[in-house]
N, C-alpha and C. Protein backbone atom coordinates (compact mmCIF):
# COMPACT_ATOMS: atom_id res chain seq x y z
N MET A 1 104.35 92.87 81.79
CA MET A 1 104.62 91.47 81.59
C MET A 1 106.13 91.26 81.58
N ILE A 2 106.58 90.23 82.24
CA ILE A 2 108.00 89.96 82.36
C ILE A 2 108.44 89.03 81.22
N GLU A 3 109.50 89.42 80.54
CA GLU A 3 110.08 88.57 79.50
C GLU A 3 111.14 87.68 80.14
N TYR A 4 111.29 86.49 79.59
CA TYR A 4 112.29 85.55 80.09
C TYR A 4 113.29 85.23 79.01
N ILE A 5 114.54 85.04 79.41
CA ILE A 5 115.63 84.72 78.51
C ILE A 5 116.09 83.29 78.80
N PRO A 6 116.19 82.44 77.78
CA PRO A 6 116.69 81.09 78.05
C PRO A 6 118.19 81.14 78.38
N CYS A 7 118.54 80.43 79.42
CA CYS A 7 119.94 80.34 79.84
C CYS A 7 120.19 78.88 80.20
N GLY A 8 120.66 78.09 79.23
CA GLY A 8 120.81 76.67 79.46
C GLY A 8 119.44 76.02 79.60
N ASP A 9 119.23 75.32 80.69
CA ASP A 9 117.95 74.66 80.96
C ASP A 9 116.96 75.55 81.70
N TYR A 10 117.35 76.78 81.98
CA TYR A 10 116.53 77.67 82.80
C TYR A 10 116.10 78.89 82.01
N PHE A 11 115.03 79.49 82.46
CA PHE A 11 114.58 80.77 81.93
C PHE A 11 114.75 81.81 83.03
N ILE A 12 115.46 82.89 82.71
CA ILE A 12 115.77 83.93 83.68
C ILE A 12 115.01 85.19 83.28
N PRO A 13 114.40 85.88 84.26
CA PRO A 13 113.68 87.11 83.91
C PRO A 13 114.62 88.16 83.32
N ASN A 14 114.18 88.81 82.26
CA ASN A 14 114.94 89.87 81.62
C ASN A 14 114.55 91.19 82.28
N LEU A 15 115.21 91.50 83.36
CA LEU A 15 114.87 92.69 84.13
C LEU A 15 115.66 93.88 83.62
N LYS A 16 114.96 94.97 83.44
CA LYS A 16 115.59 96.21 83.00
C LYS A 16 115.25 97.26 84.04
N PHE A 17 116.26 97.87 84.60
CA PHE A 17 116.05 98.86 85.64
C PHE A 17 116.13 100.26 85.07
N ARG A 18 115.22 101.09 85.55
CA ARG A 18 115.22 102.49 85.14
C ARG A 18 116.15 103.28 86.04
N LYS A 19 116.57 104.43 85.54
CA LYS A 19 117.36 105.32 86.39
C LYS A 19 116.43 105.95 87.41
N THR A 20 116.85 105.92 88.66
CA THR A 20 116.04 106.47 89.74
C THR A 20 116.90 107.43 90.55
N PRO A 21 116.26 108.37 91.21
CA PRO A 21 117.05 109.25 92.08
C PRO A 21 117.65 108.43 93.23
N PRO A 22 118.77 108.89 93.76
CA PRO A 22 119.40 108.13 94.85
C PRO A 22 118.53 108.11 96.11
N ILE A 23 118.59 107.01 96.82
CA ILE A 23 117.85 106.92 98.07
C ILE A 23 118.78 107.30 99.21
N ASP A 24 118.23 107.92 100.21
CA ASP A 24 119.03 108.39 101.34
C ASP A 24 118.92 107.43 102.51
N LYS A 25 119.21 107.93 103.67
CA LYS A 25 119.35 107.14 104.89
C LYS A 25 118.16 106.22 105.16
N TYR A 26 116.96 106.78 105.22
CA TYR A 26 115.80 105.99 105.61
C TYR A 26 115.40 104.99 104.53
N GLY A 27 115.59 105.36 103.28
CA GLY A 27 115.33 104.43 102.18
C GLY A 27 116.29 103.25 102.21
N ARG A 28 117.56 103.52 102.48
CA ARG A 28 118.55 102.43 102.58
C ARG A 28 118.26 101.54 103.79
N MET A 29 117.83 102.14 104.89
CA MET A 29 117.49 101.35 106.08
C MET A 29 116.30 100.45 105.79
N ARG A 30 115.29 100.98 105.11
CA ARG A 30 114.11 100.19 104.75
C ARG A 30 114.50 99.05 103.82
N LYS A 31 115.37 99.33 102.86
CA LYS A 31 115.81 98.31 101.91
C LYS A 31 116.52 97.18 102.65
N ARG A 32 117.41 97.52 103.56
CA ARG A 32 118.12 96.49 104.31
C ARG A 32 117.16 95.67 105.16
N PHE A 33 116.19 96.33 105.78
CA PHE A 33 115.20 95.62 106.59
C PHE A 33 114.42 94.63 105.72
N LEU A 34 113.98 95.08 104.55
CA LEU A 34 113.23 94.20 103.66
C LEU A 34 114.08 93.02 103.20
N GLU A 35 115.33 93.28 102.86
CA GLU A 35 116.23 92.20 102.43
C GLU A 35 116.41 91.15 103.51
N GLU A 36 116.62 91.60 104.75
CA GLU A 36 116.97 90.69 105.83
C GLU A 36 115.76 90.04 106.50
N HIS A 37 114.63 90.75 106.56
CA HIS A 37 113.51 90.25 107.36
C HIS A 37 112.21 90.03 106.58
N ARG A 38 112.08 90.61 105.43
CA ARG A 38 110.87 90.45 104.62
C ARG A 38 111.28 90.11 103.19
N SER A 39 112.01 89.01 103.01
CA SER A 39 112.57 88.69 101.71
C SER A 39 111.50 88.46 100.64
N PHE A 40 110.35 87.89 101.03
CA PHE A 40 109.29 87.68 100.05
C PHE A 40 108.80 89.02 99.50
N LEU A 41 108.51 89.96 100.39
CA LEU A 41 108.06 91.29 99.97
C LEU A 41 109.15 91.99 99.16
N PHE A 42 110.40 91.86 99.58
CA PHE A 42 111.52 92.47 98.87
C PHE A 42 111.58 91.96 97.43
N ASN A 43 111.51 90.65 97.26
CA ASN A 43 111.56 90.06 95.91
C ASN A 43 110.35 90.45 95.09
N LYS A 44 109.20 90.51 95.72
CA LYS A 44 107.99 90.93 95.02
C LYS A 44 108.11 92.37 94.52
N LEU A 45 108.65 93.25 95.36
CA LEU A 45 108.84 94.65 94.96
C LEU A 45 109.85 94.77 93.83
N ILE A 46 110.90 93.96 93.87
CA ILE A 46 111.90 94.01 92.80
C ILE A 46 111.29 93.54 91.49
N LEU A 47 110.60 92.42 91.52
CA LEU A 47 110.04 91.86 90.29
C LEU A 47 108.93 92.73 89.70
N SER A 48 108.23 93.46 90.53
CA SER A 48 107.18 94.35 90.03
C SER A 48 107.72 95.75 89.72
N GLU A 49 109.02 95.92 89.86
CA GLU A 49 109.70 97.20 89.59
C GLU A 49 109.15 98.33 90.44
N SER A 50 108.75 98.02 91.66
CA SER A 50 108.23 99.06 92.53
C SER A 50 109.06 99.23 93.80
N LEU A 51 110.26 98.64 93.83
CA LEU A 51 111.10 98.77 95.02
C LEU A 51 111.55 100.21 95.21
N PHE A 52 112.12 100.83 94.19
CA PHE A 52 112.63 102.18 94.36
C PHE A 52 111.54 103.21 94.59
N PRO A 53 110.40 103.13 93.91
CA PRO A 53 109.32 104.05 94.29
C PRO A 53 108.89 103.86 95.75
N HIS A 54 108.86 102.61 96.21
CA HIS A 54 108.52 102.34 97.62
C HIS A 54 109.55 102.98 98.55
N LEU A 55 110.83 102.81 98.23
CA LEU A 55 111.89 103.36 99.09
C LEU A 55 111.86 104.88 99.09
N LEU A 56 111.61 105.48 97.94
CA LEU A 56 111.52 106.94 97.88
C LEU A 56 110.31 107.45 98.66
N GLU A 57 109.21 106.71 98.62
CA GLU A 57 108.02 107.09 99.38
C GLU A 57 108.29 107.00 100.88
N ILE A 58 108.97 105.94 101.31
CA ILE A 58 109.32 105.78 102.72
C ILE A 58 110.26 106.90 103.16
N GLU A 59 111.23 107.22 102.32
CA GLU A 59 112.18 108.30 102.62
C GLU A 59 111.45 109.62 102.83
N ALA A 60 110.55 109.95 101.92
CA ALA A 60 109.82 111.21 102.02
C ALA A 60 108.91 111.22 103.25
N ALA A 61 108.23 110.11 103.49
CA ALA A 61 107.33 110.03 104.65
C ALA A 61 108.11 110.14 105.95
N ALA A 62 109.28 109.50 106.02
CA ALA A 62 110.10 109.56 107.24
C ALA A 62 110.56 110.99 107.50
N ASN A 63 111.00 111.67 106.46
CA ASN A 63 111.45 113.06 106.65
C ASN A 63 110.30 113.97 107.07
N ARG A 64 109.12 113.79 106.46
CA ARG A 64 107.96 114.59 106.85
C ARG A 64 107.57 114.31 108.30
N ARG A 65 107.62 113.05 108.68
CA ARG A 65 107.22 112.67 110.04
C ARG A 65 108.18 113.26 111.07
N ILE A 66 109.47 113.21 110.78
CA ILE A 66 110.46 113.79 111.71
C ILE A 66 110.24 115.30 111.84
N GLU A 67 110.00 115.97 110.71
CA GLU A 67 109.75 117.41 110.75
C GLU A 67 108.48 117.72 111.53
N GLY A 68 107.51 116.81 111.53
CA GLY A 68 106.28 117.03 112.27
C GLY A 68 106.42 116.77 113.76
N ILE A 69 107.22 115.78 114.12
CA ILE A 69 107.39 115.39 115.52
C ILE A 69 108.35 116.34 116.25
N LEU A 70 109.38 116.79 115.57
CA LEU A 70 110.46 117.54 116.21
C LEU A 70 110.00 118.79 116.96
N PRO A 71 109.12 119.63 116.42
CA PRO A 71 108.72 120.82 117.20
C PRO A 71 108.08 120.50 118.54
N ALA A 72 107.25 119.46 118.59
CA ALA A 72 106.62 119.09 119.86
C ALA A 72 107.66 118.58 120.86
N LEU A 73 108.60 117.79 120.39
CA LEU A 73 109.66 117.29 121.28
C LEU A 73 110.53 118.44 121.79
N MET A 74 110.82 119.39 120.90
CA MET A 74 111.63 120.55 121.30
C MET A 74 110.89 121.37 122.36
N LYS A 75 109.60 121.54 122.18
CA LYS A 75 108.83 122.31 123.15
C LYS A 75 108.82 121.61 124.51
N ASP A 76 108.61 120.29 124.50
CA ASP A 76 108.60 119.52 125.75
C ASP A 76 109.95 119.55 126.46
N ALA A 77 111.04 119.58 125.68
CA ALA A 77 112.39 119.57 126.26
C ALA A 77 112.85 120.96 126.66
N GLY A 78 112.12 121.99 126.26
CA GLY A 78 112.51 123.35 126.61
C GLY A 78 113.59 123.92 125.72
N VAL A 79 113.64 123.46 124.47
CA VAL A 79 114.63 123.97 123.51
C VAL A 79 114.07 125.24 122.89
N THR A 80 114.72 126.37 123.17
CA THR A 80 114.27 127.66 122.65
C THR A 80 115.45 128.42 122.07
N GLU A 81 115.14 129.49 121.37
CA GLU A 81 116.19 130.36 120.84
C GLU A 81 116.95 131.05 121.98
N ASN A 82 116.25 131.36 123.08
CA ASN A 82 116.92 131.96 124.23
C ASN A 82 117.97 131.01 124.81
N LEU A 83 117.62 129.74 124.88
CA LEU A 83 118.58 128.74 125.36
C LEU A 83 119.76 128.63 124.41
N LYS A 84 119.48 128.73 123.12
CA LYS A 84 120.55 128.67 122.12
C LYS A 84 121.55 129.81 122.32
N ASP A 85 121.04 130.99 122.64
CA ASP A 85 121.92 132.14 122.88
C ASP A 85 122.64 132.03 124.21
N ALA A 86 121.94 131.55 125.24
CA ALA A 86 122.50 131.51 126.60
C ALA A 86 123.48 130.35 126.79
N ASP A 87 123.12 129.17 126.32
CA ASP A 87 123.96 127.98 126.55
C ASP A 87 123.94 127.10 125.30
N PRO A 88 124.79 127.43 124.32
CA PRO A 88 124.76 126.71 123.04
C PRO A 88 125.03 125.20 123.16
N MET A 89 125.91 124.82 124.07
CA MET A 89 126.23 123.39 124.21
C MET A 89 125.03 122.60 124.74
N LYS A 90 124.31 123.17 125.68
CA LYS A 90 123.11 122.52 126.20
C LYS A 90 122.06 122.43 125.11
N TRP A 91 121.93 123.50 124.32
CA TRP A 91 120.97 123.52 123.23
C TRP A 91 121.28 122.41 122.22
N VAL A 92 122.55 122.27 121.86
CA VAL A 92 122.94 121.23 120.91
C VAL A 92 122.64 119.84 121.47
N GLY A 93 122.95 119.63 122.73
CA GLY A 93 122.66 118.35 123.36
C GLY A 93 121.18 118.02 123.37
N LEU A 94 120.36 119.01 123.72
CA LEU A 94 118.91 118.79 123.72
C LEU A 94 118.36 118.57 122.31
N MET A 95 118.89 119.30 121.34
CA MET A 95 118.47 119.11 119.95
C MET A 95 118.82 117.71 119.46
N ASN A 96 120.03 117.26 119.79
CA ASN A 96 120.42 115.90 119.39
C ASN A 96 119.52 114.85 120.04
N THR A 97 119.17 115.07 121.30
CA THR A 97 118.27 114.15 121.99
C THR A 97 116.90 114.14 121.34
N CYS A 98 116.37 115.31 121.03
CA CYS A 98 115.06 115.40 120.39
C CYS A 98 115.06 114.72 119.02
N HIS A 99 116.12 114.96 118.27
CA HIS A 99 116.21 114.36 116.93
C HIS A 99 116.31 112.83 117.04
N ALA A 100 117.07 112.34 118.00
CA ALA A 100 117.18 110.90 118.20
C ALA A 100 115.84 110.28 118.60
N GLN A 101 115.09 110.98 119.45
CA GLN A 101 113.76 110.48 119.83
C GLN A 101 112.82 110.44 118.63
N ALA A 102 112.83 111.50 117.84
CA ALA A 102 111.98 111.54 116.65
C ALA A 102 112.37 110.43 115.68
N GLU A 103 113.65 110.21 115.53
CA GLU A 103 114.12 109.17 114.62
C GLU A 103 113.71 107.78 115.10
N GLU A 104 113.76 107.54 116.40
CA GLU A 104 113.34 106.24 116.93
C GLU A 104 111.86 106.00 116.67
N ILE A 105 111.06 107.03 116.78
CA ILE A 105 109.63 106.90 116.49
C ILE A 105 109.42 106.54 115.02
N VAL A 106 110.12 107.24 114.14
CA VAL A 106 110.00 107.00 112.70
C VAL A 106 110.49 105.60 112.35
N LEU A 107 111.57 105.17 112.95
CA LEU A 107 112.08 103.83 112.66
C LEU A 107 111.05 102.77 113.04
N ALA A 108 110.42 102.93 114.18
CA ALA A 108 109.42 101.95 114.63
C ALA A 108 108.17 102.00 113.75
N GLU A 109 107.74 103.19 113.34
CA GLU A 109 106.50 103.33 112.60
C GLU A 109 106.64 102.99 111.11
N LEU A 110 107.72 103.42 110.49
CA LEU A 110 107.83 103.32 109.04
C LEU A 110 108.88 102.32 108.54
N ILE A 111 110.02 102.32 109.14
CA ILE A 111 111.13 101.54 108.58
C ILE A 111 111.01 100.07 108.96
N TYR A 112 110.81 99.77 110.22
CA TYR A 112 110.83 98.39 110.70
C TYR A 112 109.43 97.84 110.92
N SER A 113 108.53 98.13 110.03
CA SER A 113 107.17 97.57 110.17
C SER A 113 106.76 96.87 108.89
């Protein structure tokens, strides 16, 4: 139940925030998306004190999803340990491409939906 504090002619919710672990990249991206494009949901999550658990859940799910997608993308692109030994610069380029593809999938599925 939310308590309200009188402030002049208005009553303002007395919100108390708990200490939460810091949110990383995907959690911050989700927060910004909610603020800018889903303000009703953002305010609802804040008032129900479930914003940070939601952001932490999105962060964990995004990291798990990237870890799950990356091996298949690496296999399709031909990224191997032999390539890493033979041509490190090509390996780095292909790895960056695979990671960017995996991240784009995660952004579409989890962050911007």
